[in-house]
C-alpha atoms as a PDB file:
ATOM      1  CA  MET A   1     -79.520  55.646  -9.306  1.00  0.00           C
ATOM      2  CA  ARG A   2     -77.833  55.095 -12.664  1.00  0.00           C
ATOM      3  CA  MET A   3     -74.280  55.449 -13.879  1.00  0.00           C
ATOM      4  CA  ILE A   4     -71.950  54.804 -16.817  1.00  0.00           C
ATOM      5  CA  ILE A   5     -68.628  53.286 -15.766  1.00  0.00           C
ATOM      6  CA  THR A   6     -66.045  52.829 -18.512  1.00  0.00           C
ATOM      7  CA  LEU A   7     -62.954  50.615 -18.473  1.00  0.00           C
ATOM      8  CA  MET A   8     -60.342  51.079 -21.178  1.00  0.00           C
ATOM      9  CA  GLY A   9     -56.828  49.819 -21.855  1.00  0.00           C
ATOM     10  CA  ILE A  10     -54.807  47.557 -24.106  1.00  0.00           C
ATOM     11  CA  ASP A  11     -55.826  43.957 -24.791  1.00  0.00           C
ATOM     12  CA  GLY A  12     -54.942  41.797 -21.812  1.00  0.00           C
ATOM     13  CA  CYS A  13     -55.076  44.573 -19.213  1.00  0.00           C
ATOM     14  CA  GLY A  14     -58.007  42.912 -17.433  1.00  0.00           C
ATOM     15  CA  LYS A  15     -61.024  44.972 -18.515  1.00  0.00           C
ATOM     16  CA  SER A  16     -63.445  42.093 -19.004  1.00  0.00           C
ATOM     17  CA  SER A  17     -62.499  40.305 -15.790  1.00  0.00           C
ATOM     18  CA  LEU A  18     -62.828  43.497 -13.754  1.00  0.00           C
ATOM     19  CA  ALA A  19     -66.139  44.397 -15.407  1.00  0.00           C
ATOM     20  CA  GLY A  20     -67.554  40.975 -14.553  1.00  0.00           C
ATOM     21  CA  LEU A  21     -66.434  41.171 -10.928  1.00  0.00           C
ATOM     22  CA  LEU A  22     -67.806  44.701 -10.562  1.00  0.00           C
ATOM     23  CA  GLN A  23     -71.184  43.605 -11.885  1.00  0.00           C
ATOM     24  CA  THR A  24     -71.252  40.759  -9.352  1.00  0.00           C
ATOM     25  CA  GLU A  25     -70.479  43.127  -6.484  1.00  0.00           C
ATOM     26  CA  LEU A  26     -73.055  45.686  -7.622  1.00  0.00           C
ATOM     27  CA  THR A  27     -75.679  42.949  -7.782  1.00  0.00           C
ATOM     28  CA  LYS A  28     -74.854  41.982  -4.188  1.00  0.00           C
ATOM     29  CA  ARG A  29     -75.536  45.588  -3.215  1.00  0.00           C
ATOM     30  CA  GLY A  30     -78.935  45.522  -4.895  1.00  0.00           C
ATOM     31  CA  HIS A  31     -77.990  47.530  -7.975  1.00  0.00           C
ATOM     32  CA  LYS A  32     -79.219  46.595 -11.453  1.00  0.00           C
ATOM     33  CA  SER A  33     -76.273  46.572 -13.815  1.00  0.00           C
ATOM     34  CA  VAL A  34     -75.193  45.439 -17.260  1.00  0.00           C
ATOM     35  CA  VAL A  35     -71.777  44.849 -18.813  1.00  0.00           C
ATOM     36  CA  ALA A  36     -71.581  46.274 -22.333  1.00  0.00           C
ATOM     37  CA  TRP A  37     -68.844  45.612 -24.859  1.00  0.00           C
ATOM     38  CA  ALA A  38     -69.382  49.124 -26.142  1.00  0.00           C
ATOM     39  CA  THR A  39     -66.890  49.623 -28.911  1.00  0.00           C
ATOM     40  CA  LEU A  40     -67.836  49.115 -32.579  1.00  0.00           C
ATOM     41  CA  GLU A  41     -69.034  45.797 -33.966  1.00  0.00           C
ATOM     42  CA  PRO A  42     -68.730  46.510 -37.718  1.00  0.00           C
ATOM     43  CA  VAL A  43     -71.898  46.081 -39.752  1.00  0.00           C
ATOM     44  CA  ILE A  44     -71.992  48.793 -42.426  1.00  0.00           C
ATOM     45  CA  LEU A  45     -68.199  48.975 -42.292  1.00  0.00           C
ATOM     46  CA  ARG A  46     -67.610  45.241 -42.612  1.00  0.00           C
ATOM     47  CA  PRO A  47     -67.290  45.125 -46.435  1.00  0.00           C
ATOM     48  CA  PHE A  48     -65.014  48.181 -46.396  1.00  0.00           C
ATOM     49  CA  ILE A  49     -62.741  46.578 -43.813  1.00  0.00           C
ATOM     50  CA  TRP A  50     -62.687  43.327 -45.788  1.00  0.00           C
ATOM     51  CA  ALA A  51     -61.795  45.144 -49.014  1.00  0.00           C
ATOM     52  CA  ALA A  52     -59.065  47.201 -47.317  1.00  0.00           C
ATOM     53  CA  LYS A  53     -57.471  44.064 -45.879  1.00  0.00           C
ATOM     54  CA  ARG A  54     -57.576  42.332 -49.255  1.00  0.00           C
ATOM     55  CA  ILE A  55     -55.957  45.293 -50.971  1.00  0.00           C
ATOM     56  CA  MET A  56     -53.330  46.230 -48.393  1.00  0.00           C
ATOM     57  CA  VAL A  57     -52.304  43.350 -46.155  1.00  0.00           C
ATOM     58  CA  ARG A  58     -53.476  40.074 -47.703  1.00  0.00           C
ATOM     59  CA  ARG A  59     -49.855  38.922 -48.126  1.00  0.00           C
ATOM     60  CA  HIS A  60     -48.776  39.901 -44.611  1.00  0.00           C
ATOM     61  CA  ASP A  61     -50.143  37.873 -41.726  1.00  0.00           C
ATOM     62  CA  LYS A  62     -49.955  40.028 -38.603  1.00  0.00           C
ATOM     63  CA  PHE A  63     -49.218  37.039 -36.378  1.00  0.00           C
ATOM     64  CA  ALA A  64     -46.402  35.768 -38.583  1.00  0.00           C
ATOM     65  CA  ASP A  65     -44.758  39.168 -39.202  1.00  0.00           C
ATOM     66  CA  TYR A  66     -46.459  42.095 -37.493  1.00  0.00           C
ATOM     67  CA  ARG A  67     -43.915  44.665 -38.694  1.00  0.00           C
ATOM     68  CA  ALA A  68     -44.490  43.805 -42.355  1.00  0.00           C
ATOM     69  CA  HIS A  69     -48.252  43.775 -41.808  1.00  0.00           C
ATOM     70  CA  ASP A  70     -48.185  47.167 -40.068  1.00  0.00           C
ATOM     71  CA  SER A  71     -45.908  48.709 -42.696  1.00  0.00           C
ATOM     72  CA  ALA A  72     -48.172  47.528 -45.539  1.00  0.00           C
ATOM     73  CA  LYS A  73     -51.261  48.836 -43.762  1.00  0.00           C
ATOM     74  CA  LYS A  74     -49.736  52.265 -43.113  1.00  0.00           C
ATOM     75  CA  SER A  75     -48.543  52.556 -46.683  1.00  0.00           C
ATOM     76  CA  GLY A  76     -52.009  51.699 -47.962  1.00  0.00           C
ATOM     77  CA  MET A  77     -53.742  54.152 -45.644  1.00  0.00           C
ATOM     78  CA  ARG A  78     -51.453  56.950 -46.818  1.00  0.00           C
ATOM     79  CA  ARG A  79     -52.555  56.260 -50.392  1.00  0.00           C
ATOM     80  CA  LEU A  80     -56.209  56.305 -49.312  1.00  0.00           C
ATOM     81  CA  ARG A  81     -55.946  59.526 -47.304  1.00  0.00           C
ATOM     82  CA  PHE A  82     -58.798  61.105 -49.284  1.00  0.00           C
ATOM     83  CA  LEU A  83     -61.170  58.461 -47.856  1.00  0.00           C
ATOM     84  CA  HIS A  84     -60.387  59.032 -44.168  1.00  0.00           C
ATOM     85  CA  GLY A  85     -63.247  61.475 -43.610  1.00  0.00           C
ATOM     86  CA  ILE A  86     -65.756  59.175 -45.320  1.00  0.00           C
ATOM     87  CA  TYR A  87     -64.495  56.263 -43.232  1.00  0.00           C
ATOM     88  CA  PHE A  88     -65.043  58.246 -40.040  1.00  0.00           C
ATOM     89  CA  PHE A  89     -68.567  59.262 -41.064  1.00  0.00           C
ATOM     90  CA  VAL A  90     -69.589  55.691 -41.942  1.00  0.00           C
ATOM     91  CA  MET A  91     -68.024  54.457 -38.704  1.00  0.00           C
ATOM     92  CA  LEU A  92     -70.220  56.852 -36.707  1.00  0.00           C
ATOM     93  CA  LEU A  93     -73.332  55.741 -38.631  1.00  0.00           C
ATOM     94  CA  ASP A  94     -72.469  52.167 -37.733  1.00  0.00           C
ATOM     95  CA  TYR A  95     -71.793  53.002 -34.105  1.00  0.00           C
ATOM     96  CA  PHE A  96     -74.785  55.205 -33.234  1.00  0.00           C
ATOM     97  CA  PRO A  97     -77.449  52.470 -32.984  1.00  0.00           C
ATOM     98  CA  GLN A  98     -75.052  50.220 -31.102  1.00  0.00           C
ATOM     99  CA  VAL A  99     -74.488  52.880 -28.439  1.00  0.00           C
ATOM    100  CA  ILE A 100     -78.234  53.456 -28.132  1.00  0.00           C
ATOM    101  CA  TYR A 101     -78.883  49.737 -27.638  1.00  0.00           C
ATOM    102  CA  LYS A 102     -75.888  48.889 -25.445  1.00  0.00           C
ATOM    103  CA  VAL A 103     -75.472  52.050 -23.369  1.00  0.00           C
ATOM    104  CA  THR A 104     -78.244  54.654 -23.691  1.00  0.00           C
ATOM    105  CA  ILE A 105     -81.287  52.427 -23.189  1.00  0.00           C
ATOM    106  CA  PRO A 106     -79.918  50.542 -20.135  1.00  0.00           C
ATOM    107  CA  TYR A 107     -78.745  53.855 -18.661  1.00  0.00           C
ATOM    108  CA  LEU A 108     -82.156  55.500 -19.120  1.00  0.00           C
ATOM    109  CA  ALA A 109     -83.709  52.383 -17.571  1.00  0.00           C
ATOM    110  CA  GLY A 110     -81.813  53.146 -14.369  1.00  0.00           C
ATOM    111  CA  ARG A 111     -79.010  50.625 -14.661  1.00  0.00           C
ATOM    112  CA  TYR A 112     -75.328  50.842 -13.905  1.00  0.00           C
ATOM    113  CA  VAL A 113     -73.754  50.388 -17.333  1.00  0.00           C
ATOM    114  CA  ILE A 114     -70.229  48.950 -17.143  1.00  0.00           C
ATOM    115  CA  CYS A 115     -68.575  49.605 -20.493  1.00  0.00           C
ATOM    116  CA  ASP A 116     -65.840  47.150 -21.413  1.00  0.00           C
ATOM    117  CA  ARG A 117     -64.407  49.659 -23.934  1.00  0.00           C
ATOM    118  CA  TYR A 118     -66.408  52.635 -25.197  1.00  0.00           C
ATOM    119  CA  PHE A 119     -66.098  55.446 -27.734  1.00  0.00           C
ATOM    120  CA  HIS A 120     -62.651  56.379 -26.374  1.00  0.00           C
ATOM    121  CA  ASP A 121     -61.272  53.040 -27.582  1.00  0.00           C
ATOM    122  CA  LEU A 122     -63.033  53.458 -30.927  1.00  0.00           C
ATOM    123  CA  MET A 123     -61.495  56.881 -31.547  1.00  0.00           C
ATOM    124  CA  LEU A 124     -58.099  55.414 -30.669  1.00  0.00           C
ATOM    125  CA  TYR A 125     -58.711  52.559 -33.115  1.00  0.00           C
ATOM    126  CA  TYR A 126     -59.643  55.038 -35.831  1.00  0.00           C
ATOM    127  CA  ALA A 127     -56.522  57.145 -35.291  1.00  0.00           C
ATOM    128  CA  VAL A 128     -54.252  54.084 -35.309  1.00  0.00           C
ATOM    129  CA  THR A 129     -55.939  52.716 -38.432  1.00  0.00           C
ATOM    130  CA  ILE A 130     -55.441  55.873 -40.507  1.00  0.00           C
ATOM    131  CA  ASN A 131     -51.983  56.640 -39.017  1.00  0.00           C
ATOM    132  CA  GLY A 132     -53.390  59.880 -37.649  1.00  0.00           C
ATOM    133  CA  GLY A 133     -51.359  60.022 -34.451  1.00  0.00           C
ATOM    134  CA  PRO A 134     -52.557  61.043 -30.984  1.00  0.00           C
ATOM    135  CA  GLU A 135     -53.624  64.517 -32.142  1.00  0.00           C
ATOM    136  CA  THR A 136     -56.126  63.017 -34.593  1.00  0.00           C
ATOM    137  CA  MET A 137     -57.433  60.863 -31.750  1.00  0.00           C
ATOM    138  CA  ARG A 138     -57.820  63.944 -29.554  1.00  0.00           C
ATOM    139  CA  LYS A 139     -59.837  65.774 -32.213  1.00  0.00           C
ATOM    140  CA  ARG A 140     -62.129  62.813 -32.809  1.00  0.00           C
ATOM    141  CA  LEU A 141     -62.615  62.311 -29.072  1.00  0.00           C
ATOM    142  CA  ARG A 142     -63.892  65.878 -28.784  1.00  0.00           C
ATOM    143  CA  VAL A 143     -66.459  65.117 -31.494  1.00  0.00           C
ATOM    144  CA  ALA A 144     -67.484  61.829 -29.871  1.00  0.00           C
ATOM    145  CA  GLY A 145     -67.815  63.531 -26.483  1.00  0.00           C
ATOM    146  CA  TRP A 146     -70.618  65.647 -27.919  1.00  0.00           C
ATOM    147  CA  LEU A 147     -72.361  62.779 -29.682  1.00  0.00           C
ATOM    148  CA  PHE A 148     -72.448  59.994 -27.108  1.00  0.00           C
ATOM    149  CA  PRO A 149     -73.337  59.788 -23.395  1.00  0.00           C
ATOM    150  CA  ARG A 150     -70.244  60.563 -21.355  1.00  0.00           C
ATOM    151  CA  PRO A 151     -69.100  58.201 -18.598  1.00  0.00           C
ATOM    152  CA  ASP A 152     -69.654  59.169 -14.977  1.00  0.00           C
ATOM    153  CA  LEU A 153     -66.452  57.296 -14.124  1.00  0.00           C
ATOM    154  CA  LEU A 154     -63.692  56.587 -16.650  1.00  0.00           C
ATOM    155  CA  TYR A 155     -60.741  54.296 -15.933  1.00  0.00           C
ATOM    156  CA  TYR A 156     -57.565  53.381 -17.758  1.00  0.00           C
ATOM    157  CA  ILE A 157     -56.111  50.049 -16.646  1.00  0.00           C
ATOM    158  CA  SER A 158     -52.335  50.280 -16.894  1.00  0.00           C
ATOM    159  CA  VAL A 159     -50.339  47.097 -17.423  1.00  0.00           C
ATOM    160  CA  PRO A 160     -46.946  46.400 -19.056  1.00  0.00           C
ATOM    161  CA  PRO A 161     -47.456  45.293 -22.687  1.00  0.00           C
ATOM    162  CA  GLU A 162     -45.306  42.211 -22.081  1.00  0.00           C
ATOM    163  CA  LEU A 163     -47.601  41.055 -19.280  1.00  0.00           C
ATOM    164  CA  ALA A 164     -50.694  41.793 -21.376  1.00  0.00           C
ATOM    165  CA  LEU A 165     -49.229  39.741 -24.240  1.00  0.00           C
ATOM    166  CA  ALA A 166     -48.636  36.804 -21.899  1.00  0.00           C
ATOM    167  CA  ARG A 167     -52.285  36.941 -20.845  1.00  0.00           C
ATOM    168  CA  LYS A 168     -53.713  36.946 -24.378  1.00  0.00           C
ATOM    169  CA  SER A 169     -53.281  34.405 -27.149  1.00  0.00           C
ATOM    170  CA  ASP A 170     -54.992  36.500 -29.844  1.00  0.00           C
ATOM    171  CA  VAL A 171     -52.628  39.512 -29.827  1.00  0.00           C
ATOM    172  CA  PRO A 172     -50.004  39.602 -32.608  1.00  0.00           C
ATOM    173  CA  SER A 173     -47.047  41.169 -30.773  1.00  0.00           C
ATOM    174  CA  ALA A 174     -45.812  43.435 -28.001  1.00  0.00           C
ATOM    175  CA  GLU A 175     -45.250  46.153 -30.632  1.00  0.00           C
ATOM    176  CA  TYR A 176     -48.962  46.085 -31.420  1.00  0.00           C
ATOM    177  CA  LEU A 177     -49.745  46.691 -27.748  1.00  0.00           C
ATOM    178  CA  LYS A 178     -47.036  49.317 -27.229  1.00  0.00           C
ATOM    179  CA  GLU A 179     -48.371  51.450 -30.064  1.00  0.00           C
ATOM    180  CA  ARG A 180     -51.854  51.432 -28.587  1.00  0.00           C
ATOM    181  CA  GLU A 181     -50.525  52.042 -25.090  1.00  0.00           C
ATOM    182  CA  SER A 182     -48.850  55.252 -26.332  1.00  0.00           C
ATOM    183  CA  TYR A 183     -52.220  56.485 -27.617  1.00  0.00           C
ATOM    184  CA  TYR A 184     -53.936  55.706 -24.325  1.00  0.00           C
ATOM    185  CA  ARG A 185     -51.220  57.605 -22.469  1.00  0.00           C
ATOM    186  CA  ALA A 186     -51.830  60.606 -24.731  1.00  0.00           C
ATOM    187  CA  MET A 187     -55.522  60.416 -23.830  1.00  0.00           C
ATOM    188  CA  LEU A 188     -55.069  60.651 -20.081  1.00  0.00           C
ATOM    189  CA  ASP A 189     -54.917  64.439 -19.849  1.00  0.00           C
ATOM    190  CA  MET A 190     -58.001  64.963 -22.026  1.00  0.00           C
ATOM    191  CA  ALA A 191     -60.635  63.875 -19.541  1.00  0.00           C
ATOM    192  CA  ASP A 192     -61.109  62.909 -15.928  1.00  0.00           C
ATOM    193  CA  VAL A 193     -59.405  59.542 -16.388  1.00  0.00           C
ATOM    194  CA  ARG A 194     -58.585  57.520 -13.294  1.00  0.00           C
ATOM    195  CA  VAL A 195     -55.668  55.118 -13.605  1.00  0.00           C
ATOM    196  CA  LEU A 196     -55.821  51.593 -12.209  1.00  0.00           C
ATOM    197  CA  ASP A 197     -52.795  49.330 -11.786  1.00  0.00           C
ATOM    198  CA  GLY A 198     -53.623  46.244 -13.842  1.00  0.00           C
ATOM    199  CA  THR A 199     -50.952  44.194 -12.070  1.00  0.00           C
ATOM    200  CA  LEU A 200     -52.894  44.339  -8.788  1.00  0.00           C
ATOM    201  CA  PRO A 201     -55.381  41.620  -7.791  1.00  0.00           C
ATOM    202  CA  LEU A 202     -58.832  42.113  -9.295  1.00  0.00           C
ATOM    203  CA  GLY A 203     -60.353  42.427  -5.846  1.00  0.00           C
ATOM    204  CA  GLU A 204     -58.237  45.474  -5.010  1.00  0.00           C
ATOM    205  CA  ASN A 205     -59.185  47.300  -8.188  1.00  0.00           C
ATOM    206  CA  CYS A 206     -62.825  46.333  -7.759  1.00  0.00           C
ATOM    207  CA  ALA A 207     -62.793  47.746  -4.229  1.00  0.00           C
ATOM    208  CA  ARG A 208     -61.394  51.012  -5.648  1.00  0.00           C
ATOM    209  CA  LEU A 209     -64.205  51.138  -8.185  1.00  0.00           C
ATOM    210  CA  LEU A 210     -66.872  50.465  -5.572  1.00  0.00           C
ATOM    211  CA  SER A 211     -65.452  53.204  -3.355  1.00  0.00           C
ATOM    212  CA  ASP A 212     -65.524  55.694  -6.236  1.00  0.00           C
ATOM    213  CA  ILE A 213     -69.078  54.668  -7.118  1.00  0.00           C
ATOM    214  CA  GLU A 214     -70.232  55.175  -3.514  1.00  0.00           C
ATOM    215  CA  LYS A 215     -68.668  58.646  -3.438  1.00  0.00           C
ATOM    216  CA  ARG A 216     -70.369  59.497  -6.717  1.00  0.00           C
ATOM    217  CA  GLU A 217     -73.695  58.291  -5.335  1.00  0.00           C
ATOM    218  CA  GLU A 218     -73.291  60.448  -2.227  1.00  0.00           C
ATOM    219  CA  ARG A 219     -72.773  63.546  -4.378  1.00  0.00           C
ATOM    220  CA  ALA A 220     -75.807  62.785  -6.563  1.00  0.00           C
END
């Protein structure tokens, strides 16, 4: 048996902790599994991202003044609108081999692949970066759904941004999280997304995941 299980949500919602616990429980049940941080790690895009930051937001530290940083970034991306399509294409070129290595190969090898983020989070990141809004994210998600292996089980971990901020020391502000939360909420009706309450103990959410996995296995 093999399966792709994806966890998504804002920083601090508990994705990594839940993924680790789920892998432990699957191992106890005799299943081979792997946890994959399956969003983009920029390689080809790295110099482009560096240049964009130098041009647009070098004078605005997002931790010191997130509003000024965000305003400068959005203004810059509006001026570079003609490059958005190229950016998306290069992003996909960068992402393809990473998905093959992190997700496709383990999946074909018969493992349970637990994705701590996946292409859904990447399409959200793209839409936020270019100020495209949720509709741009929706369009790009439809493209990505054809290009990459789709999850067997997809979860959104819901948690108040204020609580998520308290859990993470590397997040600039609650506004940063609230913006991304609004995009995730807009994503929920696009696919078979199951919502988990991120304020519950990890064990409860892990038990929910294991129950869903068992039901999926029974139908296979």
